[in-house]
Amino acid sequence: MNSMLSIGASGLQAAQASLDRSAGRIARWNLAFDGGGADMRPADLATEGVAQIEARHQLAANLQTVKTADALLGTLIDTFA
């Protein structure tokens, strides 16, 4: 039970980090066109859009894992109380 909660929480953190990285690349998108340096390339907005949709689905799936673990824990407590 505890492992389900930790898996869900870990997945939520990973999905949030992925979303944050994608948002950062989009935020710097305009800088690449304004002479941001030779190593700066503009982000592919289509790719970033897909990455953000994937992150949103990962967040939803991991949130459901946490909700299910919480419900199971509640059922166990009710059963043994």
PDB file of N, CA and C in Angstrom:
ATOM      1  N   MET A   1       0.823  -1.183   0.000  1.00  0.00           N
ATOM      2  CA  MET A   1       0.000   0.000   0.000  1.00  0.00           C
ATOM      3  C   MET A   1       0.875   1.258   0.000  1.00  0.00           C
ATOM      4  N   ASN A   2       1.833   1.262   0.895  1.00  0.00           N
ATOM      5  CA  ASN A   2       2.738   2.410   0.982  1.00  0.00           C
ATOM      6  C   ASN A   2       3.533   2.572  -0.306  1.00  0.00           C
ATOM      7  N   SER A   3       3.868   1.424  -0.936  1.00  0.00           N
ATOM      8  CA  SER A   3       4.632   1.506  -2.178  1.00  0.00           C
ATOM      9  C   SER A   3       3.789   2.112  -3.297  1.00  0.00           C
ATOM     10  N   MET A   4       2.477   1.861  -3.290  1.00  0.00           N
ATOM     11  CA  MET A   4       1.607   2.483  -4.298  1.00  0.00           C
ATOM     12  C   MET A   4       1.613   3.998  -4.143  1.00  0.00           C
ATOM     13  N   LEU A   5       1.546   4.451  -2.899  1.00  0.00           N
ATOM     14  CA  LEU A   5       1.576   5.896  -2.659  1.00  0.00           C
ATOM     15  C   LEU A   5       2.902   6.498  -3.092  1.00  0.00           C
ATOM     16  N   SER A   6       3.995   5.822  -2.789  1.00  0.00           N
ATOM     17  CA  SER A   6       5.299   6.369  -3.161  1.00  0.00           C
ATOM     18  C   SER A   6       5.514   6.325  -4.675  1.00  0.00           C
ATOM     19  N   ILE A   7       5.012   5.285  -5.331  1.00  0.00           N
ATOM     20  CA  ILE A   7       5.105   5.216  -6.789  1.00  0.00           C
ATOM     21  C   ILE A   7       4.303   6.348  -7.417  1.00  0.00           C
ATOM     22  N   GLY A   8       3.091   6.560  -6.921  1.00  0.00           N
ATOM     23  CA  GLY A   8       2.257   7.643  -7.438  1.00  0.00           C
ATOM     24  C   GLY A   8       2.885   9.000  -7.212  1.00  0.00           C
ATOM     25  N   ALA A   9       3.412   9.215  -6.004  1.00  0.00           N
ATOM     26  CA  ALA A   9       4.044  10.500  -5.697  1.00  0.00           C
ATOM     27  C   ALA A   9       5.291  10.722  -6.546  1.00  0.00           C
ATOM     28  N   SER A  10       6.078   9.673  -6.719  1.00  0.00           N
ATOM     29  CA  SER A  10       7.276   9.774  -7.550  1.00  0.00           C
ATOM     30  C   SER A  10       6.902  10.082  -8.992  1.00  0.00           C
ATOM     31  N   GLY A  11       5.866   9.435  -9.484  1.00  0.00           N
ATOM     32  CA  GLY A  11       5.405   9.692 -10.845  1.00  0.00           C
ATOM     33  C   GLY A  11       4.893  11.107 -11.017  1.00  0.00           C
ATOM     34  N   LEU A  12       4.200  11.621 -10.002  1.00  0.00           N
ATOM     35  CA  LEU A  12       3.725  13.005 -10.047  1.00  0.00           C
ATOM     36  C   LEU A  12       4.898  13.977 -10.132  1.00  0.00           C
ATOM     37  N   GLN A  13       5.929  13.727  -9.346  1.00  0.00           N
ATOM     38  CA  GLN A  13       7.100  14.600  -9.371  1.00  0.00           C
ATOM     39  C   GLN A  13       7.809  14.546 -10.720  1.00  0.00           C
ATOM     40  N   ALA A  14       7.933  13.357 -11.288  1.00  0.00           N
ATOM     41  CA  ALA A  14       8.600  13.213 -12.585  1.00  0.00           C
ATOM     42  C   ALA A  14       7.808  13.915 -13.689  1.00  0.00           C
ATOM     43  N   ALA A  15       6.489  13.756 -13.667  1.00  0.00           N
ATOM     44  CA  ALA A  15       5.657  14.408 -14.680  1.00  0.00           C
ATOM     45  C   ALA A  15       5.717  15.919 -14.536  1.00  0.00           C
ATOM     46  N   GLN A  16       5.712  16.405 -13.306  1.00  0.00           N
ATOM     47  CA  GLN A  16       5.793  17.855 -13.086  1.00  0.00           C
ATOM     48  C   GLN A  16       7.135  18.400 -13.567  1.00  0.00           C
ATOM     49  N   ALA A  17       8.200  17.657 -13.319  1.00  0.00           N
ATOM     50  CA  ALA A  17       9.527  18.081 -13.781  1.00  0.00           C
ATOM     51  C   ALA A  17       9.575  18.125 -15.309  1.00  0.00           C
ATOM     52  N   SER A  18       8.961  17.149 -15.955  1.00  0.00           N
ATOM     53  CA  SER A  18       8.907  17.127 -17.419  1.00  0.00           C
ATOM     54  C   SER A  18       8.133  18.327 -17.948  1.00  0.00           C
ATOM     55  N   LEU A  19       7.023  18.622 -17.316  1.00  0.00           N
ATOM     56  CA  LEU A  19       6.220  19.779 -17.715  1.00  0.00           C
ATOM     57  C   LEU A  19       6.991  21.074 -17.497  1.00  0.00           C
ATOM     58  N   ASP A  20       7.696  21.180 -16.397  1.00  0.00           N
ATOM     59  CA  ASP A  20       8.496  22.377 -16.112  1.00  0.00           C
ATOM     60  C   ASP A  20       9.608  22.575 -17.145  1.00  0.00           C
ATOM     61  N   ARG A  21      10.277  21.480 -17.525  1.00  0.00           N
ATOM     62  CA  ARG A  21      11.338  21.592 -18.534  1.00  0.00           C
ATOM     63  C   ARG A  21      10.784  22.058 -19.874  1.00  0.00           C
ATOM     64  N   SER A  22       9.649  21.504 -20.263  1.00  0.00           N
ATOM     65  CA  SER A  22       9.030  21.897 -21.523  1.00  0.00           C
ATOM     66  C   SER A  22       8.594  23.360 -21.479  1.00  0.00           C
ATOM     67  N   ALA A  23       8.007  23.770 -20.380  1.00  0.00           N
ATOM     68  CA  ALA A  23       7.585  25.166 -20.241  1.00  0.00           C
ATOM     69  C   ALA A  23       8.784  26.109 -20.301  1.00  0.00           C
ATOM     70  N   GLY A  24       9.892  25.693 -19.723  1.00  0.00           N
ATOM     71  CA  GLY A  24      11.109  26.506 -19.774  1.00  0.00           C
ATOM     72  C   GLY A  24      11.641  26.657 -21.187  1.00  0.00           C
ATOM     73  N   ARG A  25      11.603  25.555 -21.943  1.00  0.00           N
ATOM     74  CA  ARG A  25      12.057  25.636 -23.339  1.00  0.00           C
ATOM     75  C   ARG A  25      11.162  26.568 -24.150  1.00  0.00           C
ATOM     76  N   ILE A  26       9.866  26.525 -23.894  1.00  0.00           N
ATOM     77  CA  ILE A  26       8.943  27.417 -24.606  1.00  0.00           C
ATOM     78  C   ILE A  26       9.168  28.856 -24.176  1.00  0.00           C
ATOM     79  N   ALA A  27       9.406  29.071 -22.900  1.00  0.00           N
ATOM     80  CA  ALA A  27       9.635  30.433 -22.404  1.00  0.00           C
ATOM     81  C   ALA A  27      10.890  31.048 -23.014  1.00  0.00           C
ATOM     82  N   ARG A  28      11.890  30.212 -23.294  1.00  0.00           N
ATOM     83  CA  ARG A  28      13.129  30.714 -23.900  1.00  0.00           C
ATOM     84  C   ARG A  28      13.060  30.742 -25.422  1.00  0.00           C
ATOM     85  N   TRP A  29      11.946  30.327 -26.001  1.00  0.00           N
ATOM     86  CA  TRP A  29      11.784  30.221 -27.448  1.00  0.00           C
ATOM     87  C   TRP A  29      12.110  31.531 -28.144  1.00  0.00           C
ATOM     88  N   ASN A  30      11.585  32.635 -27.649  1.00  0.00           N
ATOM     89  CA  ASN A  30      11.800  33.934 -28.279  1.00  0.00           C
ATOM     90  C   ASN A  30      13.252  34.395 -28.141  1.00  0.00           C
ATOM     91  N   LEU A  31      13.919  34.004 -27.073  1.00  0.00           N
ATOM     92  CA  LEU A  31      15.310  34.411 -26.870  1.00  0.00           C
ATOM     93  C   LEU A  31      16.219  33.877 -27.974  1.00  0.00           C
ATOM     94  N   ALA A  32      15.905  32.706 -28.484  1.00  0.00           N
ATOM     95  CA  ALA A  32      16.734  32.114 -29.535  1.00  0.00           C
ATOM     96  C   ALA A  32      16.695  32.958 -30.805  1.00  0.00           C
ATOM     97  N   PHE A  33      15.589  33.624 -31.042  1.00  0.00           N
ATOM     98  CA  PHE A  33      15.472  34.461 -32.233  1.00  0.00           C
ATOM     99  C   PHE A  33      16.049  35.859 -32.031  1.00  0.00           C
ATOM    100  N   ASP A  34      16.244  36.243 -30.784  1.00  0.00           N
ATOM    101  CA  ASP A  34      16.757  37.578 -30.471  1.00  0.00           C
ATOM    102  C   ASP A  34      18.252  37.569 -30.219  1.00  0.00           C
ATOM    103  N   GLY A  35      18.972  36.656 -30.847  1.00  0.00           N
ATOM    104  CA  GLY A  35      20.427  36.605 -30.685  1.00  0.00           C
ATOM    105  C   GLY A  35      20.844  36.045 -29.353  1.00  0.00           C
ATOM    106  N   GLY A  36      20.174  34.992 -28.910  1.00  0.00           N
ATOM    107  CA  GLY A  36      20.461  34.401 -27.613  1.00  0.00           C
ATOM    108  C   GLY A  36      21.765  33.639 -27.556  1.00  0.00           C
ATOM    109  N   GLY A  37      22.482  33.557 -28.623  1.00  0.00           N
ATOM    110  CA  GLY A  37      23.757  32.847 -28.616  1.00  0.00           C
ATOM    111  C   GLY A  37      23.757  31.726 -29.629  1.00  0.00           C
ATOM    112  N   ALA A  38      24.952  31.296 -29.986  1.00  0.00           N
ATOM    113  CA  ALA A  38      25.091  30.264 -31.011  1.00  0.00           C
ATOM    114  C   ALA A  38      24.568  28.919 -30.530  1.00  0.00           C
ATOM    115  N   ASP A  39      24.643  28.662 -29.221  1.00  0.00           N
ATOM    116  CA  ASP A  39      24.208  27.367 -28.712  1.00  0.00           C
ATOM    117  C   ASP A  39      22.713  27.316 -28.450  1.00  0.00           C
ATOM    118  N   MET A  40      22.017  28.412 -28.652  1.00  0.00           N
ATOM    119  CA  MET A  40      20.598  28.456 -28.373  1.00  0.00           C
ATOM    120  C   MET A  40      19.804  28.216 -29.648  1.00  0.00           C
ATOM    121  N   ARG A  41      19.008  27.172 -29.650  1.00  0.00           N
ATOM    122  CA  ARG A  41      18.162  26.868 -30.796  1.00  0.00           C
ATOM    123  C   ARG A  41      16.718  27.062 -30.395  1.00  0.00           C
ATOM    124  N   PRO A  42      15.887  27.515 -31.323  1.00  0.00           N
ATOM    125  CA  PRO A  42      14.474  27.669 -30.976  1.00  0.00           C
ATOM    126  C   PRO A  42      13.828  26.317 -30.712  1.00  0.00           C
ATOM    127  N   ALA A  43      12.932  26.290 -29.764  1.00  0.00           N
ATOM    128  CA  ALA A  43      12.221  25.057 -29.447  1.00  0.00           C
ATOM    129  C   ALA A  43      11.249  24.732 -30.564  1.00  0.00           C
ATOM    130  N   ASP A  44      11.032  23.469 -30.793  1.00  0.00           N
ATOM    131  CA  ASP A  44      10.009  23.032 -31.734  1.00  0.00           C
ATOM    132  C   ASP A  44       8.695  23.040 -30.962  1.00  0.00           C
ATOM    133  N   LEU A  45       7.837  23.999 -31.266  1.00  0.00           N
ATOM    134  CA  LEU A  45       6.618  24.176 -30.489  1.00  0.00           C
ATOM    135  C   LEU A  45       5.676  22.986 -30.604  1.00  0.00           C
ATOM    136  N   ALA A  46       5.663  22.303 -31.733  1.00  0.00           N
ATOM    137  CA  ALA A  46       4.821  21.111 -31.871  1.00  0.00           C
ATOM    138  C   ALA A  46       5.308  20.006 -30.930  1.00  0.00           C
ATOM    139  N   THR A  47       6.621  19.816 -30.895  1.00  0.00           N
ATOM    140  CA  THR A  47       7.191  18.806 -30.003  1.00  0.00           C
ATOM    141  C   THR A  47       6.909  19.149 -28.544  1.00  0.00           C
ATOM    142  N   GLU A  48       7.039  20.414 -28.205  1.00  0.00           N
ATOM    143  CA  GLU A  48       6.782  20.837 -26.824  1.00  0.00           C
ATOM    144  C   GLU A  48       5.305  20.688 -26.462  1.00  0.00           C
ATOM    145  N   GLY A  49       4.429  20.936 -27.421  1.00  0.00           N
ATOM    146  CA  GLY A  49       3.003  20.737 -27.170  1.00  0.00           C
ATOM    147  C   GLY A  49       2.694  19.275 -26.869  1.00  0.00           C
ATOM    148  N   VAL A  50       3.295  18.383 -27.641  1.00  0.00           N
ATOM    149  CA  VAL A  50       3.114  16.949 -27.401  1.00  0.00           C
ATOM    150  C   VAL A  50       3.700  16.565 -26.042  1.00  0.00           C
ATOM    151  N   ALA A  51       4.864  17.102 -25.714  1.00  0.00           N
ATOM    152  CA  ALA A  51       5.491  16.799 -24.416  1.00  0.00           C
ATOM    153  C   ALA A  51       4.601  17.250 -23.266  1.00  0.00           C
ATOM    154  N   GLN A  52       3.945  18.397 -23.422  1.00  0.00           N
ATOM    155  CA  GLN A  52       3.080  18.884 -22.356  1.00  0.00           C
ATOM    156  C   GLN A  52       1.803  18.052 -22.234  1.00  0.00           C
ATOM    157  N   ILE A  53       1.276  17.583 -23.362  1.00  0.00           N
ATOM    158  CA  ILE A  53       0.108  16.698 -23.314  1.00  0.00           C
ATOM    159  C   ILE A  53       0.481  15.383 -22.636  1.00  0.00           C
ATOM    160  N   GLU A  54       1.655  14.845 -22.973  1.00  0.00           N
ATOM    161  CA  GLU A  54       2.121  13.611 -22.326  1.00  0.00           C
ATOM    162  C   GLU A  54       2.273  13.812 -20.824  1.00  0.00           C
ATOM    163  N   ALA A  55       2.856  14.938 -20.426  1.00  0.00           N
ATOM    164  CA  ALA A  55       3.039  15.220 -18.999  1.00  0.00           C
ATOM    165  C   ALA A  55       1.691  15.324 -18.294  1.00  0.00           C
ATOM    166  N   ARG A  56       0.724  15.941 -18.960  1.00  0.00           N
ATOM    167  CA  ARG A  56      -0.616  16.071 -18.359  1.00  0.00           C
ATOM    168  C   ARG A  56      -1.228  14.693 -18.142  1.00  0.00           C
ATOM    169  N   HIS A  57      -1.077  13.782 -19.117  1.00  0.00           N
ATOM    170  CA  HIS A  57      -1.605  12.427 -18.962  1.00  0.00           C
ATOM    171  C   HIS A  57      -0.852  11.657 -17.877  1.00  0.00           C
ATOM    172  N   GLN A  58       0.457  11.869 -17.787  1.00  0.00           N
ATOM    173  CA  GLN A  58       1.231  11.229 -16.719  1.00  0.00           C
ATOM    174  C   GLN A  58       0.771  11.728 -15.350  1.00  0.00           C
ATOM    175  N   LEU A  59       0.523  13.021 -15.245  1.00  0.00           N
ATOM    176  CA  LEU A  59       0.031  13.569 -13.982  1.00  0.00           C
ATOM    177  C   LEU A  59      -1.306  12.944 -13.611  1.00  0.00           C
ATOM    178  N   ALA A  60      -2.217  12.870 -14.575  1.00  0.00           N
ATOM    179  CA  ALA A  60      -3.539  12.305 -14.302  1.00  0.00           C
ATOM    180  C   ALA A  60      -3.443  10.832 -13.896  1.00  0.00           C
ATOM    181  N   ALA A  61      -2.612  10.060 -14.584  1.00  0.00           N
ATOM    182  CA  ALA A  61      -2.474   8.637 -14.271  1.00  0.00           C
ATOM    183  C   ALA A  61      -1.884   8.431 -12.878  1.00  0.00           C
ATOM    184  N   ASN A  62      -0.861   9.203 -12.550  1.00  0.00           N
ATOM    185  CA  ASN A  62      -0.243   9.051 -11.228  1.00  0.00           C
ATOM    186  C   ASN A  62      -1.142   9.569 -10.121  1.00  0.00           C
ATOM    187  N   LEU A  63      -1.924  10.584 -10.398  1.00  0.00           N
ATOM    188  CA  LEU A  63      -2.890  11.072  -9.413  1.00  0.00           C
ATOM    189  C   LEU A  63      -3.934   9.995  -9.141  1.00  0.00           C
ATOM    190  N   GLN A  64      -4.358   9.294 -10.179  1.00  0.00           N
ATOM    191  CA  GLN A  64      -5.316   8.209  -9.986  1.00  0.00           C
ATOM    192  C   GLN A  64      -4.696   7.091  -9.152  1.00  0.00           C
ATOM    193  N   THR A  65      -3.411   6.824  -9.328  1.00  0.00           N
ATOM    194  CA  THR A  65      -2.722   5.821  -8.505  1.00  0.00           C
ATOM    195  C   THR A  65      -2.752   6.215  -7.039  1.00  0.00           C
ATOM    196  N   VAL A  66      -2.479   7.491  -6.768  1.00  0.00           N
ATOM    197  CA  VAL A  66      -2.502   7.975  -5.383  1.00  0.00           C
ATOM    198  C   VAL A  66      -3.920   7.884  -4.812  1.00  0.00           C
ATOM    199  N   LYS A  67      -4.919   8.259  -5.597  1.00  0.00           N
ATOM    200  CA  LYS A  67      -6.310   8.187  -5.128  1.00  0.00           C
ATOM    201  C   LYS A  67      -6.710   6.745  -4.829  1.00  0.00           C
ATOM    202  N   THR A  68      -6.304   5.820  -5.694  1.00  0.00           N
ATOM    203  CA  THR A  68      -6.635   4.412  -5.485  1.00  0.00           C
ATOM    204  C   THR A  68      -5.953   3.875  -4.235  1.00  0.00           C
ATOM    205  N   ALA A  69      -4.696   4.208  -4.048  1.00  0.00           N
ATOM    206  CA  ALA A  69      -3.979   3.768  -2.845  1.00  0.00           C
ATOM    207  C   ALA A  69      -4.639   4.333  -1.593  1.00  0.00           C
ATOM    208  N   ASP A  70      -5.082   5.581  -1.662  1.00  0.00           N
ATOM    209  CA  ASP A  70      -5.763   6.210  -0.524  1.00  0.00           C
ATOM    210  C   ASP A  70      -7.080   5.487  -0.223  1.00  0.00           C
ATOM    211  N   ALA A  71      -7.831   5.161  -1.270  1.00  0.00           N
ATOM    212  CA  ALA A  71      -9.095   4.453  -1.075  1.00  0.00           C
ATOM    213  C   ALA A  71      -8.863   3.063  -0.491  1.00  0.00           C
ATOM    214  N   LEU A  72      -7.833   2.366  -0.988  1.00  0.00           N
ATOM    215  CA  LEU A  72      -7.522   1.040  -0.455  1.00  0.00           C
ATOM    216  C   LEU A  72      -7.102   1.117   1.009  1.00  0.00           C
ATOM    217  N   LEU A  73      -6.317   2.113   1.329  1.00  0.00           N
ATOM    218  CA  LEU A  73      -5.888   2.279   2.717  1.00  0.00           C
ATOM    219  C   LEU A  73      -7.092   2.571   3.610  1.00  0.00           C
ATOM    220  N   GLY A  74      -8.006   3.400   3.125  1.00  0.00           N
ATOM    221  CA  GLY A  74      -9.234   3.672   3.884  1.00  0.00           C
ATOM    222  C   GLY A  74     -10.052   2.419   4.099  1.00  0.00           C
ATOM    223  N   THR A  75     -10.149   1.582   3.081  1.00  0.00           N
ATOM    224  CA  THR A  75     -10.893   0.323   3.198  1.00  0.00           C
ATOM    225  C   THR A  75     -10.226  -0.597   4.205  1.00  0.00           C
ATOM    226  N   LEU A  76      -8.904  -0.676   4.174  1.00  0.00           N
ATOM    227  CA  LEU A  76      -8.191  -1.515   5.149  1.00  0.00           C
ATOM    228  C   LEU A  76      -8.405  -1.020   6.568  1.00  0.00           C
ATOM    229  N   ILE A  77      -8.339   0.283   6.734  1.00  0.00           N
ATOM    230  CA  ILE A  77      -8.558   0.843   8.084  1.00  0.00           C
ATOM    231  C   ILE A  77      -9.970   0.538   8.570  1.00  0.00           C
ATOM    232  N   ASP A  78     -10.954   0.692   7.671  1.00  0.00           N
ATOM    233  CA  ASP A  78     -12.335   0.406   8.045  1.00  0.00           C
ATOM    234  C   ASP A  78     -12.522  -1.086   8.371  1.00  0.00           C
ATOM    235  N   THR A  79     -11.824  -1.936   7.649  1.00  0.00           N
ATOM    236  CA  THR A  79     -11.960  -3.371   7.855  1.00  0.00           C
ATOM    237  C   THR A  79     -11.360  -3.802   9.187  1.00  0.00           C
ATOM    238  N   PHE A  80     -10.218  -3.256   9.542  1.00  0.00           N
ATOM    239  CA  PHE A  80      -9.531  -3.679  10.769  1.00  0.00           C
ATOM    240  C   PHE A  80      -9.867  -2.826  11.968  1.00  0.00           C
ATOM    241  N   ALA A  81     -10.631  -1.769  11.805  1.00  0.00           N
ATOM    242  CA  ALA A  81     -10.948  -0.900  12.949  1.00  0.00           C
ATOM    243  C   ALA A  81     -12.147  -1.415  13.709  1.00  0.00           C
TER     244      ALA A  81
END
